[in-house]
Amino acid sequence: MYSPIIEETSKDYEGKIKFVKIDADANQKIDEKYGIMSIPTTLLIKEGKLKAMQVGAVPKAVLKKWIDSNVG
């Protein structure tokens, strides 16, 4: 499961980035808005705009590197 990796990573960025999990089946308008085609998909959204998208589960180190390279 990807949830434990997201939960661990969210602790590393506490106070800097807000992590939110969304049920894609129950929120299909969000899927359409951001073009989500696969689960899991991780989005970086800033001020309501999509900044980056990561499709598929990745190890924590890869997720952190992706976040760091896109947060600027």
C-alpha atoms as a PDB file:
ATOM      1  CA  MET A   1       0.000   0.000   0.000  1.00  0.00           C
ATOM      2  CA  TYR A   2       1.071   3.554  -0.710  1.00  0.00           C
ATOM      3  CA  SER A   3      -0.667   5.160   2.273  1.00  0.00           C
ATOM      4  CA  PRO A   4       2.126   4.417   4.792  1.00  0.00           C
ATOM      5  CA  ILE A   5       4.698   6.076   2.519  1.00  0.00           C
ATOM      6  CA  ILE A   6       2.496   9.155   2.121  1.00  0.00           C
ATOM      7  CA  GLU A   7       1.882   9.329   5.883  1.00  0.00           C
ATOM      8  CA  GLU A   8       5.601   9.043   6.691  1.00  0.00           C
ATOM      9  CA  THR A   9       6.508  11.635   4.070  1.00  0.00           C
ATOM     10  CA  SER A  10       3.838  14.045   5.300  1.00  0.00           C
ATOM     11  CA  LYS A  11       5.526  14.083   8.709  1.00  0.00           C
ATOM     12  CA  ASP A  12       8.800  15.132   7.065  1.00  0.00           C
ATOM     13  CA  TYR A  13       7.083  18.146   5.486  1.00  0.00           C
ATOM     14  CA  GLU A  14       4.786  19.061   8.382  1.00  0.00           C
ATOM     15  CA  GLY A  15       4.040  22.785   8.371  1.00  0.00           C
ATOM     16  CA  LYS A  16       5.438  23.167   4.837  1.00  0.00           C
ATOM     17  CA  ILE A  17       3.154  21.077   2.628  1.00  0.00           C
ATOM     18  CA  LYS A  18      -0.416  19.935   3.210  1.00  0.00           C
ATOM     19  CA  PHE A  19      -1.042  16.302   2.267  1.00  0.00           C
ATOM     20  CA  VAL A  20      -4.608  15.305   1.400  1.00  0.00           C
ATOM     21  CA  LYS A  21      -5.920  11.890   0.365  1.00  0.00           C
ATOM     22  CA  ILE A  22      -8.943  11.834  -1.926  1.00  0.00           C
ATOM     23  CA  ASP A  23     -11.167   8.902  -2.872  1.00  0.00           C
ATOM     24  CA  ALA A  24     -10.968   9.075  -6.654  1.00  0.00           C
ATOM     25  CA  ASP A  25     -14.134   7.027  -7.147  1.00  0.00           C
ATOM     26  CA  ALA A  26     -16.160   9.385  -4.959  1.00  0.00           C
ATOM     27  CA  ASN A  27     -14.614  12.553  -6.435  1.00  0.00           C
ATOM     28  CA  GLN A  28     -14.672  11.997 -10.172  1.00  0.00           C
ATOM     29  CA  LYS A  29     -14.758  15.730 -10.938  1.00  0.00           C
ATOM     30  CA  ILE A  30     -11.252  15.998  -9.452  1.00  0.00           C
ATOM     31  CA  ASP A  31     -10.118  13.088 -11.632  1.00  0.00           C
ATOM     32  CA  GLU A  32     -11.423  14.919 -14.688  1.00  0.00           C
ATOM     33  CA  LYS A  33     -10.024  18.306 -13.668  1.00  0.00           C
ATOM     34  CA  TYR A  34      -6.476  17.001 -13.225  1.00  0.00           C
ATOM     35  CA  GLY A  35      -6.508  14.200 -15.797  1.00  0.00           C
ATOM     36  CA  ILE A  36      -6.058  11.376 -13.294  1.00  0.00           C
ATOM     37  CA  MET A  37      -6.101   8.076 -15.163  1.00  0.00           C
ATOM     38  CA  SER A  38      -4.351   5.724 -12.713  1.00  0.00           C
ATOM     39  CA  ILE A  39      -4.357   5.114  -8.984  1.00  0.00           C
ATOM     40  CA  PRO A  40      -2.284   6.021  -7.107  1.00  0.00           C
ATOM     41  CA  THR A  41      -1.528   9.423  -8.544  1.00  0.00           C
ATOM     42  CA  THR A  42       0.215  12.087  -6.484  1.00  0.00           C
ATOM     43  CA  LEU A  43      -0.370  15.717  -7.376  1.00  0.00           C
ATOM     44  CA  LEU A  44       1.456  18.856  -6.311  1.00  0.00           C
ATOM     45  CA  ILE A  45      -1.046  21.691  -6.379  1.00  0.00           C
ATOM     46  CA  LYS A  46      -0.139  25.279  -5.584  1.00  0.00           C
ATOM     47  CA  GLU A  47      -2.754  28.019  -5.429  1.00  0.00           C
ATOM     48  CA  GLY A  48      -5.251  25.716  -7.148  1.00  0.00           C
ATOM     49  CA  LYS A  49      -2.973  24.994 -10.095  1.00  0.00           C
ATOM     50  CA  LEU A  50      -1.344  21.668 -10.913  1.00  0.00           C
ATOM     51  CA  LYS A  51       2.412  21.994 -10.537  1.00  0.00           C
ATOM     52  CA  ALA A  52       3.457  18.333 -10.973  1.00  0.00           C
ATOM     53  CA  MET A  53       2.005  14.836 -11.224  1.00  0.00           C
ATOM     54  CA  GLN A  54       3.534  11.495 -10.154  1.00  0.00           C
ATOM     55  CA  VAL A  55       1.718   8.377 -11.399  1.00  0.00           C
ATOM     56  CA  GLY A  56       2.176   5.134  -9.503  1.00  0.00           C
ATOM     57  CA  ALA A  57       3.542   4.215  -6.109  1.00  0.00           C
ATOM     58  CA  VAL A  58       7.184   5.075  -5.531  1.00  0.00           C
ATOM     59  CA  PRO A  59       9.572   4.541  -2.609  1.00  0.00           C
ATOM     60  CA  LYS A  60       9.766   7.291   0.018  1.00  0.00           C
ATOM     61  CA  ALA A  61      13.185   8.489  -1.167  1.00  0.00           C
ATOM     62  CA  VAL A  62      11.911   8.892  -4.728  1.00  0.00           C
ATOM     63  CA  LEU A  63       8.774  10.691  -3.533  1.00  0.00           C
ATOM     64  CA  LYS A  64      10.826  13.128  -1.435  1.00  0.00           C
ATOM     65  CA  LYS A  65      13.197  13.820  -4.332  1.00  0.00           C
ATOM     66  CA  TRP A  66      10.197  14.479  -6.597  1.00  0.00           C
ATOM     67  CA  ILE A  67       8.630  16.827  -4.043  1.00  0.00           C
ATOM     68  CA  ASP A  68      11.884  18.686  -3.437  1.00  0.00           C
ATOM     69  CA  SER A  69      12.530  19.130  -7.170  1.00  0.00           C
ATOM     70  CA  ASN A  70       9.041  20.554  -7.722  1.00  0.00           C
ATOM     71  CA  VAL A  71       8.469  22.675  -4.638  1.00  0.00           C
ATOM     72  CA  GLY A  72      11.284  25.097  -5.298  1.00  0.00           C
END
